Amino acid sequence: MNLKIGILGSRGIPNSYGGFEEFTEHLAVGLAEKGHEVFVYNSSLHPYKEKEWKAVHIIHCKDWEDKLQAAGQFIYDLNCINDARKRNYDVLLQLGYTSNSIWHWRWPKKAINIVNMDGLEWKRTQYSKLTRLFIKQAERWAAKYGDHLVADSPGIQQHLLATYQKKSVYIPYAAEIFTAPDVYLLNQFDLRPCEFYLAVSRMEPENNIEMIINGYLNSRQDYPLIIIGSTKNKFGKQWEEKYATLKIRFPGAIYDKNVLNNLRYFSKLYFHGHSVGGTNPSLLEAMACGCNIAAHRNIFNEAVLQNEADYFSSDNEIRDILDSSPDENIIKRRKEINMERIKTIYTWEKIITRYESLMLNFFPR
């Protein structure tokens, strides 16, 4: 059976932004290749302006985020939902809930509304107390009114069941093994293989960037720490002004996946500080690049990495990780096991098939 599927909640495809867009790109193309009619909603601010991409239909909806900041996201989602009401979808997949579950009463009633519940966004201290209360309510609306919920981590799955008594289907994200190292790409950053430390992250407190920096500064290491991510927000500007030196570098956001993966591949140690998300795409990509990983200690990261990483929850633990002399055989084994997990568990083929099976389960054969 072929379905008519709408996907909203991202800024659009092809990916020019981040995790949800990368996921949307793979899922939409994969479902279209399986014979389904797939529509993806793109922000009017997205650079791609055509009506189709790799057999996926693109619907451009007005987005006022450039003029109204966060408020513009709510209008953009409403515009997408209003359009979806006209399309007679079999399934509408909504990615996240923060700015679209407020419009739950406008969700198309004839479609099966599946909500990917993302991470625990209401825990992010970058938001005011009032905003965090709203996001918690938005999560509650999504849990109540979604026909079916998807959790990208067992931790999110447990939270939904304990908090809302709602069952969800666990479907994580995926990554592709990196196979094209090019050492010459390091020249543009004045770096040498295995002589730098790396973190790739949005500049938010819950990603523990400042903890990583302070742990590094307290260590005895001289190799530079490279922090990839936009520094245009409040925290990014603050940390760059406070810490930027030749040893601690902020190159900004890098969206060229080949460049980013080469930096991961050639890093001596990759820091993953995310603490409130689920199965984070950037962590899977680091595993797929064969990184030696030090991760923030929490149920989300431990579910993915298990015993194949070092863990930290303080500056001192980061310092100790950096100043230790790890057994090279242990590091080699960790890298191999993590890459094998990407090949066998976190594959796009499996994730696309699981989403398709979930969608088809709602319709009689």
Protein backbone atom coordinates (compact mmCIF):
# COMPACT_ATOMS: atom_id res chain seq x y z
CA MET A 1 0.00 0.00 0.00
CA ASN A 2 1.30 3.44 -0.94
CA LEU A 3 0.62 6.29 1.46
CA LYS A 4 0.33 10.04 1.12
CA ILE A 5 2.68 11.39 3.80
CA GLY A 6 3.30 14.92 5.03
CA ILE A 7 6.34 15.87 7.12
CA LEU A 8 6.41 19.15 9.01
CA GLY A 9 8.40 20.60 11.91
CA SER A 10 11.75 21.09 10.18
CA ARG A 11 13.03 24.11 8.29
CA GLY A 12 13.08 22.00 5.15
CA ILE A 13 15.25 20.06 2.74
CA PRO A 14 17.86 19.71 1.40
CA ASN A 15 19.49 20.13 4.80
CA SER A 16 21.00 23.56 5.41
CA TYR A 17 20.44 23.70 9.17
CA GLY A 18 20.77 20.75 11.53
CA GLY A 19 19.60 17.45 12.98
CA PHE A 20 15.86 17.46 12.19
CA GLU A 21 16.59 18.60 8.64
CA GLU A 22 19.22 15.88 8.14
CA PHE A 23 16.70 13.32 9.43
CA THR A 24 13.91 14.73 7.23
CA GLU A 25 16.12 14.57 4.17
CA HIS A 26 16.94 10.87 4.62
CA LEU A 27 13.45 9.81 5.73
CA ALA A 28 11.55 11.67 3.01
CA VAL A 29 13.77 10.42 0.19
CA GLY A 30 13.73 6.88 1.61
CA LEU A 31 9.93 6.78 1.86
CA ALA A 32 9.59 8.20 -1.66
CA GLU A 33 11.93 5.49 -2.97
CA LYS A 34 9.60 2.92 -1.39
CA GLY A 35 6.76 4.27 -3.54
CA HIS A 36 5.00 6.61 -1.12
CA GLU A 37 3.92 10.12 -2.07
CA VAL A 38 5.90 12.35 0.30
CA PHE A 39 5.48 16.08 0.98
CA VAL A 40 7.97 18.09 3.07
CA TYR A 41 7.22 21.58 4.40
CA ASN A 42 9.99 24.11 3.78
CA SER A 43 10.38 27.50 5.38
CA SER A 44 10.11 30.40 2.93
CA LEU A 45 13.55 31.39 4.28
CA HIS A 46 15.09 28.13 3.04
CA PRO A 47 17.53 28.67 0.14
CA TYR A 48 16.01 25.84 -1.94
CA LYS A 49 13.05 27.24 -3.90
CA GLU A 50 12.05 24.39 -6.22
CA LYS A 51 8.83 22.37 -5.84
CA GLU A 52 10.49 18.96 -5.86
CA TRP A 53 13.72 17.42 -4.60
CA LYS A 54 14.69 13.80 -5.30
CA ALA A 55 11.06 12.78 -5.93
CA VAL A 56 9.91 14.51 -2.72
CA HIS A 57 7.29 17.26 -3.09
CA ILE A 58 8.31 20.54 -1.44
CA ILE A 59 5.68 22.88 -0.01
CA HIS A 60 6.98 26.36 0.76
CA CYS A 61 5.22 28.07 3.67
CA LYS A 62 5.64 31.65 4.86
CA ASP A 63 8.05 31.94 7.77
CA TRP A 64 8.37 35.19 9.74
CA GLU A 65 11.20 34.04 12.01
CA ASP A 66 13.60 36.55 10.44
CA LYS A 67 11.34 39.39 11.57
CA LEU A 68 9.59 37.97 14.66
CA GLN A 69 12.30 35.64 16.03
CA ALA A 70 10.81 32.76 18.06
CA ALA A 71 7.23 33.96 17.55
CA GLY A 72 7.72 33.45 13.83
CA GLN A 73 8.13 29.69 14.37
CA PHE A 74 4.57 29.46 15.70
CA ILE A 75 3.19 31.26 12.64
CA TYR A 76 5.27 29.09 10.31
CA ASP A 77 3.94 25.90 11.94
CA LEU A 78 0.36 27.20 11.75
CA ASN A 79 0.82 27.96 8.06
CA CYS A 80 2.10 24.41 7.51
CA ILE A 81 -0.78 22.87 9.47
CA ASN A 82 -3.39 24.96 7.62
CA ASP A 83 -1.96 23.74 4.33
CA ALA A 84 -1.91 20.15 5.58
CA ARG A 85 -5.65 20.34 6.27
CA LYS A 86 -6.20 20.70 2.52
CA ARG A 87 -4.01 17.83 1.36
CA ASN A 88 -5.88 14.72 2.51
CA TYR A 89 -2.79 13.04 3.92
CA ASP A 90 -2.91 9.49 5.18
CA VAL A 91 -0.15 10.31 7.70
CA LEU A 92 1.17 13.60 9.02
CA LEU A 93 4.54 13.27 10.77
CA GLN A 94 5.24 16.20 13.08
CA LEU A 95 8.85 16.66 14.18
CA GLY A 96 8.95 18.13 17.66
CA TYR A 97 6.16 19.81 19.55
CA THR A 98 7.36 23.17 20.90
CA SER A 99 5.72 25.45 18.34
CA ASN A 100 3.12 23.19 16.73
CA SER A 101 1.24 21.39 19.52
CA ILE A 102 -0.42 24.70 20.51
CA TRP A 103 -2.29 24.28 17.22
CA HIS A 104 -3.43 20.71 18.02
CA TRP A 105 -7.04 21.73 17.43
CA ARG A 106 -6.06 22.55 13.83
CA TRP A 107 -4.33 19.24 13.13
CA PRO A 108 -6.06 17.46 10.21
CA LYS A 109 -8.56 15.03 11.69
CA LYS A 110 -8.54 12.53 8.81
CA ALA A 111 -4.78 11.99 8.92
CA ILE A 112 -2.92 9.85 11.43
CA ASN A 113 -0.91 12.41 13.39
CA ILE A 114 2.44 10.96 14.48
CA VAL A 115 4.61 13.16 16.72
CA ASN A 116 8.35 12.72 17.13
CA MET A 117 8.70 13.92 20.73
CA ASP A 118 12.31 15.15 20.44
CA GLY A 119 14.18 15.81 23.73
CA LEU A 120 13.25 17.28 27.10
CA GLU A 121 13.20 20.83 25.76
CA TRP A 122 11.61 22.26 28.90
CA LYS A 123 14.81 21.46 30.83
CA ARG A 124 16.86 23.96 28.85
CA THR A 125 17.88 26.75 31.24
CA GLN A 126 18.53 29.11 28.32
CA TYR A 127 14.76 29.69 28.41
CA SER A 128 12.98 31.81 31.00
CA LYS A 129 10.90 30.07 33.66
CA LEU A 130 7.70 31.13 31.85
CA THR A 131 8.96 29.78 28.53
CA ARG A 132 9.94 26.49 30.14
CA LEU A 133 6.45 26.18 31.66
CA PHE A 134 4.97 26.76 28.21
CA ILE A 135 7.24 24.14 26.60
CA LYS A 136 6.23 21.63 29.27
CA GLN A 137 2.58 22.36 28.44
CA ALA A 138 3.36 21.97 24.73
CA GLU A 139 4.83 18.53 25.48
CA ARG A 140 1.65 17.67 27.39
CA TRP A 141 -0.54 18.72 24.44
CA ALA A 142 1.55 16.67 22.00
CA ALA A 143 1.40 13.60 24.24
CA LYS A 144 -2.37 13.95 24.65
CA TYR A 145 -3.41 14.76 21.10
CA GLY A 146 -0.86 12.85 19.03
CA ASP A 147 -2.39 9.68 17.55
CA HIS A 148 0.96 8.00 18.02
CA LEU A 149 4.22 9.09 19.62
CA VAL A 150 7.80 8.33 18.56
CA ALA A 151 10.65 8.48 21.08
CA ASP A 152 14.19 8.64 19.74
CA SER A 153 15.64 7.28 23.00
CA PRO A 154 14.61 4.71 25.63
CA GLY A 155 14.95 7.55 28.16
CA ILE A 156 12.35 9.65 26.33
CA GLN A 157 10.14 6.56 26.03
CA GLN A 158 10.29 6.02 29.80
CA HIS A 159 9.54 9.70 30.47
CA LEU A 160 6.42 9.68 28.27
CA LEU A 161 5.08 6.55 29.95
CA ALA A 162 5.81 7.73 33.50
CA THR A 163 4.56 11.31 33.00
CA TYR A 164 1.62 10.90 30.63
CA GLN A 165 0.90 7.16 30.70
CA LYS A 166 1.39 7.21 26.94
CA LYS A 167 3.17 4.41 25.12
CA SER A 168 5.52 5.35 22.31
CA VAL A 169 7.53 3.59 19.63
CA TYR A 170 11.29 3.78 20.00
CA ILE A 171 12.93 4.79 16.71
CA PRO A 172 16.35 6.48 16.97
CA TYR A 173 18.21 8.47 14.34
CA ALA A 174 20.94 7.10 12.07
CA ALA A 175 24.30 7.94 10.55
CA GLU A 176 26.55 6.79 7.72
CA ILE A 177 30.07 5.47 8.17
CA PHE A 178 32.59 8.11 7.11
CA THR A 179 34.90 6.71 4.43
CA ALA A 180 36.57 9.75 2.84
CA PRO A 181 39.25 11.19 5.15
CA ASP A 182 41.23 14.04 3.59
CA VAL A 183 44.01 15.29 5.82
CA TYR A 184 44.55 18.35 3.63
CA LEU A 185 41.22 19.79 4.79
CA LEU A 186 42.85 20.40 8.17
CA ASN A 187 45.13 23.00 6.63
CA GLN A 188 42.36 25.60 6.51
CA PHE A 189 42.12 25.32 10.31
CA ASP A 190 45.88 25.14 10.87
CA LEU A 191 45.48 21.74 12.54
CA ARG A 192 47.34 18.44 12.44
CA PRO A 193 45.91 14.91 12.76
CA CYS A 194 45.27 13.77 16.34
CA GLU A 195 46.68 17.03 17.72
CA PHE A 196 43.43 18.77 18.65
CA TYR A 197 40.31 18.20 20.74
CA LEU A 198 36.83 18.77 19.30
CA ALA A 199 33.28 19.61 20.36
CA VAL A 200 30.37 20.12 17.93
CA SER A 201 27.34 21.70 19.51
CA ARG A 202 24.75 24.43 19.62
CA MET A 203 25.86 27.06 22.12
CA GLU A 204 23.47 26.22 24.96
CA PRO A 205 24.13 25.61 28.68
CA GLU A 206 22.68 22.08 28.54
CA ASN A 207 25.39 21.11 26.07
CA ASN A 208 27.99 21.83 28.76
CA ILE A 209 30.37 23.79 26.57
CA GLU A 210 31.67 25.86 29.48
CA MET A 211 32.27 22.70 31.53
CA ILE A 212 34.33 21.26 28.68
CA ILE A 213 36.32 24.51 28.35
CA ASN A 214 37.07 24.75 32.08
CA GLY A 215 38.08 21.10 32.27
CA TYR A 216 40.41 21.64 29.34
CA LEU A 217 41.90 24.81 30.88
CA ASN A 218 42.58 22.93 34.12
CA SER A 219 44.37 20.13 32.29
CA ARG A 220 48.01 19.93 31.28
CA GLN A 221 47.24 19.65 27.57
CA ASP A 222 48.62 21.99 24.89
CA TYR A 223 46.75 20.73 21.84
CA PRO A 224 44.00 23.23 20.91
CA LEU A 225 40.31 22.76 21.72
CA ILE A 226 38.10 23.43 18.68
CA ILE A 227 34.43 24.24 19.37
CA ILE A 228 32.19 24.07 16.29
CA GLY A 229 28.84 25.88 16.45
CA SER A 230 27.26 29.24 15.77
CA THR A 231 28.37 31.92 18.23
CA LYS A 232 25.62 34.35 17.24
CA ASN A 233 23.37 33.65 20.22
CA LYS A 234 23.83 35.06 23.73
CA PHE A 235 25.84 32.15 25.08
CA GLY A 236 27.99 31.77 21.99
CA LYS A 237 28.97 35.43 22.05
CA GLN A 238 29.65 35.30 25.78
CA TRP A 239 31.86 32.20 25.63
CA GLU A 240 33.76 33.36 22.56
CA GLU A 241 34.52 36.74 24.17
CA LYS A 242 35.55 35.10 27.43
CA TYR A 243 37.59 32.12 26.23
CA ALA A 244 38.72 32.52 22.61
CA THR A 245 42.52 32.17 22.27
CA LEU A 246 44.89 30.28 20.01
CA LYS A 247 44.29 27.29 22.30
CA ILE A 248 40.48 27.58 22.36
CA ARG A 249 39.05 28.29 18.94
CA PHE A 250 35.52 29.05 17.79
CA PRO A 251 35.39 28.64 13.98
CA GLY A 252 31.59 29.08 14.03
CA ALA A 253 28.98 26.80 12.51
CA ILE A 254 30.14 24.40 9.78
CA TYR A 255 27.45 22.89 7.57
CA ASP A 256 29.75 21.24 5.03
CA LYS A 257 29.40 17.65 6.16
CA ASN A 258 32.65 16.51 4.57
CA VAL A 259 34.65 19.20 6.40
CA LEU A 260 32.86 18.46 9.67
CA ASN A 261 33.40 14.72 9.39
CA ASN A 262 37.10 15.20 8.63
CA LEU A 263 37.48 17.29 11.78
CA ARG A 264 35.77 14.51 13.73
CA TYR A 265 37.86 11.79 12.10
CA PHE A 266 41.21 13.46 12.82
CA SER A 267 40.42 14.69 16.37
CA LYS A 268 42.35 13.20 19.31
CA LEU A 269 39.24 13.26 21.53
CA TYR A 270 35.66 14.24 20.75
CA PHE A 271 33.57 15.84 23.51
CA HIS A 272 29.81 15.28 23.47
CA GLY A 273 28.28 17.47 26.17
CA HIS A 274 24.59 17.16 25.29
CA SER A 275 22.50 16.36 28.36
CA VAL A 276 18.76 16.79 27.65
CA GLY A 277 18.32 15.27 24.21
CA GLY A 278 17.58 11.74 23.16
CA THR A 279 19.66 9.81 20.64
CA ASN A 280 21.56 12.82 19.40
CA PRO A 281 22.46 12.82 15.66
CA SER A 282 25.82 14.51 16.25
CA LEU A 283 26.82 11.72 18.63
CA LEU A 284 25.97 9.06 16.05
CA GLU A 285 27.97 10.99 13.44
CA ALA A 286 30.98 11.08 15.78
CA MET A 287 30.70 7.32 16.25
CA ALA A 288 30.45 6.89 12.47
CA CYS A 289 33.70 8.85 12.08
CA GLY A 290 35.56 6.55 14.45
CA CYS A 291 36.01 9.16 17.17
CA ASN A 292 37.42 8.52 20.60
CA ILE A 293 34.53 9.95 22.64
CA ALA A 294 34.12 11.57 26.04
CA ALA A 295 30.42 12.14 26.77
CA HIS A 296 28.35 13.82 29.44
CA ARG A 297 27.07 11.19 31.86
CA ASN A 298 23.30 10.80 31.39
CA ILE A 299 20.82 8.10 30.42
CA PHE A 300 20.59 9.29 26.81
CA ASN A 301 24.31 9.13 26.03
CA GLU A 302 24.85 5.95 28.05
CA ALA A 303 22.06 4.18 26.14
CA VAL A 304 23.93 4.80 22.89
CA LEU A 305 27.59 4.48 23.92
CA GLN A 306 27.24 2.01 26.82
CA ASN A 307 30.79 1.15 27.95
CA GLU A 308 32.55 2.44 24.84
CA ALA A 309 33.35 5.99 25.99
CA ASP A 310 34.69 8.03 28.85
CA TYR A 311 32.03 9.89 30.83
CA PHE A 312 32.09 13.19 32.69
CA SER A 313 29.77 15.26 34.84
CA SER A 314 32.21 17.91 36.11
CA ASP A 315 35.20 20.05 35.11
CA ASN A 316 37.49 17.85 37.20
CA GLU A 317 36.40 14.68 35.44
CA ILE A 318 37.12 16.29 32.07
CA ARG A 319 40.56 17.33 33.34
CA ASP A 320 41.24 13.78 34.51
CA ILE A 321 40.14 12.31 31.16
CA LEU A 322 42.46 14.66 29.29
CA ASP A 323 45.43 14.05 31.59
CA SER A 324 45.06 10.26 31.67
CA SER A 325 47.16 7.90 29.58
CA PRO A 326 44.57 5.59 28.02
CA ASP A 327 45.44 2.17 26.67
CA GLU A 328 45.54 2.45 22.86
CA ASN A 329 44.04 -1.04 22.52
CA ILE A 330 41.03 0.02 24.59
CA ILE A 331 40.53 3.11 22.42
CA LYS A 332 40.81 1.00 19.26
CA ARG A 333 38.23 -1.48 20.60
CA ARG A 334 35.82 1.32 21.56
CA LYS A 335 36.02 2.87 18.11
CA GLU A 336 35.43 -0.48 16.40
CA ILE A 337 32.41 -1.35 18.58
CA ASN A 338 30.84 2.10 18.12
CA MET A 339 31.27 1.92 14.34
CA GLU A 340 29.79 -1.57 14.31
CA ARG A 341 26.71 -0.21 16.11
CA ILE A 342 26.32 2.39 13.37
CA LYS A 343 26.53 -0.36 10.75
CA THR A 344 24.06 -2.68 12.46
CA ILE A 345 21.70 -0.58 14.62
CA TYR A 346 21.72 3.07 13.60
CA THR A 347 21.36 2.64 9.82
CA TRP A 348 19.13 4.79 7.66
CA GLU A 349 17.71 1.72 5.96
CA LYS A 350 16.49 0.31 9.29
CA ILE A 351 15.14 3.63 10.59
CA ILE A 352 13.24 4.36 7.34
CA THR A 353 11.78 0.84 7.35
CA ARG A 354 10.64 1.23 10.98
CA TYR A 355 8.89 4.51 10.23
CA GLU A 356 7.24 2.97 7.18
CA SER A 357 6.07 -0.06 9.21
CA LEU A 358 4.64 2.24 11.90
CA MET A 359 2.70 4.21 9.30
CA LEU A 360 1.42 1.15 7.43
CA ASN A 361 0.19 -0.43 10.67
CA PHE A 362 -2.64 2.11 10.77
CA PHE A 363 -4.09 0.95 7.46
CA PRO A 364 -5.62 -2.44 6.54
CA ARG A 365 -3.81 -4.37 3.84
